[in-house]
Amino acid sequence: MNETRRTLLSALETGAATGPALADELGVSRAAVWKQVDALREAGFEIESTPDGYAVTSVPAYGAAAIEYELEAPYTVEYHESIGSTNDRARERAADGDRDIVVVADEQTGGRGRLERSWDSPPGGIWASTVLDPTLPAAHVPLVTLAAGVAVVDACRAVGVEATLKWPNDVLVGDAPDSRRGDADATTDAARGGQKLAGILTEMEGEADRVSWLLVGVGLNANIAPEALPNDATSLQEQIGAVDRRAVLQTILESLSALVAAPETIIEQWRAYSSTLGRTVRVDTGRNEIEGKAVDVQFPGALVVDTDSGEEVVHAGDCEHLRPV
């Protein structure tokens, strides 16, 4: 979406505006205003000519202009019907010097999660990668992963899905296997601690004392039918029916922006949503396995596990929720 169109939509967010008033605000001719209004109508916006001027009466379901409209966060959106990976494209934008950009796709053909694991990303999900321009040292980057998880849970709970967070970056629903899955799949669900609803992938470039750019990828199973999901996953649609993806993504972005601006609040909010704390867990660090009770998350995002030999502080690893014996 070009800058003139973006500014025009921003002006209409507060109510109707006349052509001359918009022309003055945008610094263009009235004919140019009409041309941009017509382009927005072609993009799916319903804009009526009222006695008070142009007024937006309906917004398209999804897309760059729709997501930006009434978004209370400082991000611009690049939208794709289909793309290999939003993280890959966001990394390109970051390398070009762009910041506060959100790359959004209806479908990913090469989505991935942590440790280069594949991530099914069919049409109907929320696949979005945000390039941030943070003012925090590299050692504090794990906070942003936690913030993204909190933001996703905020959005899920806003539509009525009681999602929780599993350390370090999974968003889950429930604590028991779904009846549509078999015994083997039930074991997987039990180990996870619920069905996976979303995941977070954070990437960065920088030095020890500063971050050049920080990329936060979110994959949320939104309007995806159960039969299109992996056995250990669920979707918002499966939980409550189809949702307004535009509104859900806007909530995620607004919450993320607010949390990044107030990093001192992130850990406490993560604790409030956690399904890991208080659980018996096994964490594979890649070097060894640590088993015990997860008792806390400490700055900047490390998991504290109370083991038979004392407390262990784990900064990275795969966490498995264990059933009580």
Protein backbone atom coordinates (compact mmCIF):
# COMPACT_ATOMS: atom_id res chain seq x y z
CA MET A 1 0.00 0.00 0.00
CA ASN A 2 1.45 3.36 -0.98
CA GLU A 3 2.02 6.12 1.56
CA THR A 4 -0.74 8.39 0.21
CA ARG A 5 -3.31 5.63 0.52
CA ARG A 6 -2.06 4.78 4.01
CA THR A 7 -2.35 8.42 5.11
CA LEU A 8 -5.83 8.70 3.60
CA LEU A 9 -7.05 5.65 5.51
CA SER A 10 -5.48 6.98 8.69
CA ALA A 11 -7.38 10.24 8.21
CA LEU A 12 -10.65 8.35 7.78
CA GLU A 13 -10.18 6.31 10.95
CA THR A 14 -11.57 9.17 13.04
CA GLY A 15 -14.69 9.62 10.87
CA ALA A 16 -15.90 11.13 7.62
CA ALA A 17 -13.75 13.72 5.83
CA THR A 18 -14.42 15.83 2.75
CA GLY A 19 -12.39 15.66 -0.44
CA PRO A 20 -10.94 19.17 0.00
CA ALA A 21 -9.98 18.45 3.62
CA LEU A 22 -8.26 15.21 2.62
CA ALA A 23 -6.50 16.95 -0.27
CA ASP A 24 -5.12 19.57 2.13
CA GLU A 25 -4.02 16.95 4.67
CA LEU A 26 -2.36 14.74 2.06
CA GLY A 27 -0.90 17.61 0.04
CA VAL A 28 -2.44 16.34 -3.21
CA SER A 29 -5.21 17.40 -5.57
CA ARG A 30 -8.86 16.49 -5.07
CA ALA A 31 -8.57 14.36 -8.23
CA ALA A 32 -5.73 12.43 -6.58
CA VAL A 33 -7.89 11.88 -3.50
CA TRP A 34 -10.67 10.50 -5.66
CA LYS A 35 -8.18 8.20 -7.41
CA GLN A 36 -6.92 6.80 -4.09
CA VAL A 37 -10.46 6.35 -2.77
CA ASP A 38 -11.32 4.44 -5.94
CA ALA A 39 -8.23 2.23 -5.51
CA LEU A 40 -9.24 1.44 -1.93
CA ARG A 41 -12.72 0.50 -3.10
CA GLU A 42 -11.17 -1.88 -5.63
CA ALA A 43 -9.11 -3.37 -2.76
CA GLY A 44 -12.32 -4.24 -0.90
CA PHE A 45 -12.98 -1.19 1.28
CA GLU A 46 -16.51 0.15 1.18
CA ILE A 47 -16.18 3.94 1.21
CA GLU A 48 -19.38 5.95 0.89
CA SER A 49 -19.82 9.58 -0.08
CA THR A 50 -21.89 11.08 2.75
CA PRO A 51 -23.01 14.67 3.48
CA ASP A 52 -19.97 14.88 5.79
CA GLY A 53 -17.56 13.52 3.19
CA TYR A 54 -15.98 10.15 2.54
CA ALA A 55 -16.62 7.50 5.22
CA VAL A 56 -15.35 3.93 5.55
CA THR A 57 -18.34 1.64 6.12
CA SER A 58 -16.73 -1.78 5.64
CA VAL A 59 -13.20 -3.18 5.72
CA PRO A 60 -11.93 -6.23 3.77
CA ALA A 61 -11.37 -9.39 5.78
CA TYR A 62 -7.58 -9.53 5.41
CA GLY A 63 -4.64 -7.97 3.57
CA ALA A 64 -2.13 -5.17 4.17
CA ALA A 65 -4.53 -2.23 4.09
CA ALA A 66 -7.14 -4.05 6.18
CA ILE A 67 -4.62 -5.02 8.89
CA GLU A 68 -3.17 -1.51 9.05
CA TYR A 69 -6.60 0.13 9.24
CA GLU A 70 -7.28 1.11 12.88
CA LEU A 71 -4.11 -0.71 13.99
CA GLU A 72 -2.86 0.94 17.18
CA ALA A 73 0.76 -0.06 16.72
CA PRO A 74 3.55 1.58 14.66
CA TYR A 75 3.87 -1.13 12.01
CA THR A 76 3.41 -1.20 8.25
CA VAL A 77 2.28 -4.43 6.61
CA GLU A 78 3.54 -6.32 3.57
CA TYR A 79 1.01 -8.96 2.55
CA HIS A 80 1.36 -12.08 0.38
CA GLU A 81 -1.29 -14.59 -0.63
CA SER A 82 1.45 -17.24 -0.61
CA ILE A 83 5.13 -17.11 0.29
CA GLY A 84 7.88 -19.55 1.18
CA SER A 85 8.52 -18.12 4.63
CA THR A 86 7.50 -14.81 6.19
CA ASN A 87 10.66 -14.97 8.33
CA ASP A 88 12.84 -15.27 5.23
CA ARG A 89 11.15 -12.26 3.62
CA ALA A 90 11.30 -10.27 6.86
CA ARG A 91 15.03 -11.01 7.07
CA GLU A 92 15.44 -9.54 3.59
CA ARG A 93 13.57 -6.41 4.66
CA ALA A 94 15.72 -6.16 7.78
CA ALA A 95 18.92 -6.48 5.72
CA ASP A 96 17.67 -3.60 3.54
CA GLY A 97 17.38 -1.42 6.63
CA ASP A 98 13.59 -1.61 7.05
CA ARG A 99 12.20 -1.64 10.58
CA ASP A 100 8.73 -1.91 12.13
CA ILE A 101 7.58 -3.98 9.14
CA VAL A 102 5.22 -6.94 9.43
CA VAL A 103 5.36 -9.54 6.67
CA VAL A 104 2.04 -11.41 6.58
CA ALA A 105 0.94 -14.34 4.40
CA ASP A 106 -2.24 -16.32 3.96
CA GLU A 107 -0.11 -19.39 3.25
CA GLN A 108 3.52 -20.41 3.75
CA THR A 109 5.01 -23.15 1.58
CA GLY A 110 8.26 -23.38 3.56
CA GLY A 111 7.34 -22.42 7.10
CA ARG A 112 9.62 -23.54 9.91
CA GLY A 113 9.87 -23.47 13.66
CA ARG A 114 12.73 -23.80 16.12
CA LEU A 115 15.72 -25.98 15.17
CA GLU A 116 14.65 -25.77 11.49
CA ARG A 117 11.63 -27.99 12.09
CA SER A 118 8.97 -27.73 9.39
CA TRP A 119 5.77 -25.85 10.24
CA ASP A 120 2.55 -26.62 8.38
CA SER A 121 1.17 -23.26 7.21
CA PRO A 122 -1.97 -23.77 5.10
CA PRO A 123 -4.31 -20.96 4.05
CA GLY A 124 -6.39 -19.58 6.89
CA GLY A 125 -3.69 -19.30 9.53
CA ILE A 126 -1.94 -16.22 10.86
CA TRP A 127 1.62 -16.33 9.58
CA ALA A 128 3.37 -13.06 10.41
CA SER A 129 6.95 -11.91 10.99
CA THR A 130 7.69 -8.52 12.53
CA VAL A 131 11.00 -6.70 12.10
CA LEU A 132 11.61 -4.67 15.25
CA ASP A 133 14.09 -1.90 15.94
CA PRO A 134 14.72 -2.59 19.61
CA THR A 135 16.79 -0.59 22.04
CA LEU A 136 17.90 -3.55 24.12
CA PRO A 137 21.19 -5.47 24.33
CA ALA A 138 21.50 -8.84 22.64
CA ALA A 139 21.45 -10.67 25.98
CA HIS A 140 17.90 -9.41 26.56
CA VAL A 141 16.47 -10.77 23.29
CA PRO A 142 14.82 -13.80 24.99
CA LEU A 143 12.45 -11.30 26.62
CA VAL A 144 10.99 -10.54 23.21
CA THR A 145 10.25 -14.22 22.60
CA LEU A 146 8.34 -14.25 25.88
CA ALA A 147 6.56 -11.02 24.88
CA ALA A 148 5.44 -12.52 21.59
CA GLY A 149 3.99 -15.52 23.43
CA VAL A 150 2.10 -13.24 25.81
CA ALA A 151 0.79 -11.21 22.85
CA VAL A 152 -0.54 -14.34 21.12
CA VAL A 153 -2.25 -15.53 24.31
CA ASP A 154 -3.76 -12.06 24.75
CA ALA A 155 -5.28 -12.34 21.27
CA CYS A 156 -6.50 -15.91 21.77
CA ARG A 157 -8.15 -15.11 25.08
CA ALA A 158 -9.74 -12.01 23.57
CA VAL A 159 -11.75 -14.31 21.28
CA GLY A 160 -12.56 -16.83 24.00
CA VAL A 161 -9.79 -19.45 23.75
CA GLU A 162 -8.03 -20.09 27.08
CA ALA A 163 -4.55 -20.54 25.66
CA THR A 164 -1.46 -20.98 27.85
CA LEU A 165 2.31 -20.75 27.39
CA LYS A 166 4.78 -23.62 27.45
CA TRP A 167 8.40 -22.60 27.84
CA PRO A 168 10.07 -21.35 25.78
CA ASN A 169 7.87 -20.55 22.79
CA ASP A 170 4.74 -22.72 22.43
CA VAL A 171 1.12 -21.62 22.81
CA LEU A 172 -1.12 -24.49 23.92
CA VAL A 173 -4.76 -25.28 24.53
CA GLY A 174 -5.91 -27.85 27.07
CA ASP A 175 -4.10 -30.42 29.13
CA ALA A 176 -5.60 -33.63 27.81
CA PRO A 177 -5.68 -35.49 24.48
CA ASP A 178 -8.45 -34.70 22.02
CA SER A 179 -10.98 -37.48 21.45
CA ARG A 180 -10.43 -37.40 17.70
CA ARG A 181 -6.85 -38.69 18.16
CA GLY A 182 -5.66 -42.23 18.73
CA ASP A 183 -3.69 -43.67 21.65
CA ALA A 184 -0.27 -42.90 20.15
CA ASP A 185 -1.30 -39.31 19.51
CA ALA A 186 -2.74 -39.12 23.03
CA THR A 187 0.72 -39.86 24.39
CA THR A 188 2.17 -37.00 22.33
CA ASP A 189 -0.50 -34.57 23.54
CA ALA A 190 0.05 -35.58 27.16
CA ALA A 191 3.79 -35.03 26.85
CA ARG A 192 3.29 -31.61 25.32
CA GLY A 193 0.85 -30.60 28.06
CA GLY A 194 -1.91 -29.75 25.59
CA GLN A 195 -2.46 -29.25 21.88
CA LYS A 196 -0.24 -26.77 20.05
CA LEU A 197 -2.05 -23.66 18.86
CA ALA A 198 0.88 -21.41 17.94
CA GLY A 199 4.64 -21.11 17.94
CA ILE A 200 7.17 -18.29 18.06
CA LEU A 201 10.48 -18.03 16.19
CA THR A 202 12.89 -15.18 17.02
CA GLU A 203 15.93 -14.25 14.95
CA MET A 204 18.38 -11.38 15.36
CA GLU A 205 21.50 -9.72 14.10
CA GLY A 206 23.78 -7.63 16.28
CA GLU A 207 26.74 -7.51 18.60
CA ALA A 208 27.20 -8.16 22.28
CA ASP A 209 26.08 -4.68 23.32
CA ARG A 210 23.45 -3.86 20.72
CA VAL A 211 20.84 -5.42 18.42
CA SER A 212 20.80 -4.25 14.81
CA TRP A 213 17.47 -5.86 14.10
CA LEU A 214 15.20 -8.35 15.74
CA LEU A 215 12.69 -10.52 13.93
CA VAL A 216 9.73 -12.18 15.65
CA GLY A 217 7.80 -14.79 13.67
CA VAL A 218 4.37 -15.93 14.81
CA GLY A 219 2.56 -18.97 13.45
CA LEU A 220 -1.00 -19.21 14.77
CA ASN A 221 -3.46 -21.86 13.62
CA ALA A 222 -6.50 -19.64 13.15
CA ASN A 223 -9.14 -20.63 10.57
CA ILE A 224 -7.82 -24.11 9.85
CA ALA A 225 -10.04 -27.19 9.90
CA PRO A 226 -9.04 -30.06 12.26
CA GLU A 227 -8.36 -32.46 9.39
CA ALA A 228 -5.70 -30.10 8.00
CA LEU A 229 -3.77 -30.02 11.29
CA PRO A 230 -0.96 -32.24 12.61
CA ASN A 231 -2.13 -34.72 15.24
CA ASP A 232 -0.76 -32.74 18.18
CA ALA A 233 -2.16 -29.38 17.05
CA THR A 234 -5.39 -27.45 17.28
CA SER A 235 -6.76 -24.21 15.84
CA LEU A 236 -8.96 -21.34 16.90
CA GLN A 237 -11.53 -22.63 14.42
CA GLU A 238 -11.53 -26.05 16.06
CA GLN A 239 -11.93 -24.47 19.47
CA ILE A 240 -14.60 -21.82 18.85
CA GLY A 241 -15.32 -21.60 15.11
CA ALA A 242 -13.99 -19.21 12.49
CA VAL A 243 -12.49 -15.96 13.78
CA ASP A 244 -11.76 -12.52 12.36
CA ARG A 245 -8.09 -12.96 11.53
CA ARG A 246 -7.64 -9.22 11.03
CA ALA A 247 -8.79 -8.48 14.57
CA VAL A 248 -6.72 -11.32 16.06
CA LEU A 249 -3.53 -10.20 14.31
CA GLN A 250 -4.14 -6.58 15.27
CA THR A 251 -4.42 -7.61 18.93
CA ILE A 252 -1.15 -9.55 18.66
CA LEU A 253 0.69 -6.60 17.12
CA GLU A 254 -0.72 -4.06 19.55
CA SER A 255 0.13 -6.22 22.55
CA LEU A 256 3.63 -6.96 21.23
CA SER A 257 4.29 -3.26 20.68
CA ALA A 258 3.15 -2.36 24.19
CA LEU A 259 5.21 -5.15 25.80
CA VAL A 260 8.40 -4.31 23.91
CA ALA A 261 7.98 -0.70 25.04
CA ALA A 262 7.72 -1.86 28.67
CA PRO A 263 10.12 -4.82 28.96
CA GLU A 264 9.99 -4.78 32.76
CA THR A 265 6.41 -6.11 32.58
CA ILE A 266 7.04 -9.08 30.28
CA ILE A 267 8.17 -11.81 32.69
CA GLU A 268 5.34 -11.26 35.16
CA GLN A 269 2.76 -11.41 32.37
CA TRP A 270 4.39 -14.55 30.98
CA ARG A 271 4.22 -16.19 34.42
CA ALA A 272 0.50 -15.41 34.61
CA TYR A 273 -0.16 -17.32 31.37
CA SER A 274 2.29 -20.18 31.94
CA SER A 275 1.26 -23.84 31.97
CA THR A 276 4.89 -24.88 32.57
CA LEU A 277 5.44 -23.39 36.01
CA GLY A 278 4.49 -25.80 38.76
CA ARG A 279 4.77 -28.79 36.41
CA THR A 280 7.23 -31.66 36.39
CA VAL A 281 9.30 -31.19 33.24
CA ARG A 282 12.13 -32.72 31.28
CA VAL A 283 14.31 -30.25 29.36
CA ASP A 284 16.65 -31.42 26.62
CA THR A 285 19.40 -28.79 26.37
CA GLY A 286 21.22 -30.56 23.55
CA ARG A 287 23.99 -31.51 25.96
CA ASN A 288 22.00 -33.20 28.72
CA GLU A 289 18.50 -33.69 30.07
CA ILE A 290 17.28 -31.89 33.17
CA GLU A 291 14.26 -33.25 35.01
CA GLY A 292 12.39 -31.70 37.92
CA LYS A 293 9.73 -29.19 38.82
CA ALA A 294 9.62 -25.92 36.86
CA VAL A 295 9.47 -23.27 39.58
CA ASP A 296 10.12 -19.96 37.86
CA VAL A 297 11.17 -18.01 34.78
CA GLN A 298 13.87 -15.47 35.48
CA PHE A 299 15.35 -12.60 33.47
CA PRO A 300 15.79 -12.60 30.54
CA GLY A 301 13.72 -15.76 29.99
CA ALA A 302 15.55 -18.70 31.60
CA LEU A 303 13.58 -21.58 33.13
CA VAL A 304 14.39 -22.49 36.73
CA VAL A 305 14.00 -26.23 37.41
CA ASP A 306 14.09 -27.69 40.92
CA THR A 307 15.87 -31.05 40.56
CA ASP A 308 16.92 -33.73 43.04
CA SER A 309 20.36 -32.09 43.16
CA GLY A 310 19.18 -28.49 43.47
CA GLU A 311 17.94 -25.73 41.19
CA GLU A 312 19.12 -25.62 37.58
CA VAL A 313 18.79 -22.51 35.40
CA VAL A 314 18.10 -23.46 31.79
CA HIS A 315 18.56 -20.79 29.12
CA ALA A 316 17.59 -22.86 26.07
CA GLY A 317 16.18 -26.27 25.29
CA ASP A 318 13.18 -28.39 24.43
CA CYS A 319 10.77 -28.66 27.35
CA GLU A 320 8.46 -31.63 27.88
CA HIS A 321 5.64 -31.58 30.42
CA LEU A 322 5.60 -34.83 32.39
CA ARG A 323 2.55 -36.43 33.94
CA PRO A 324 2.67 -36.84 37.73
CA VAL A 325 3.53 -40.43 38.74
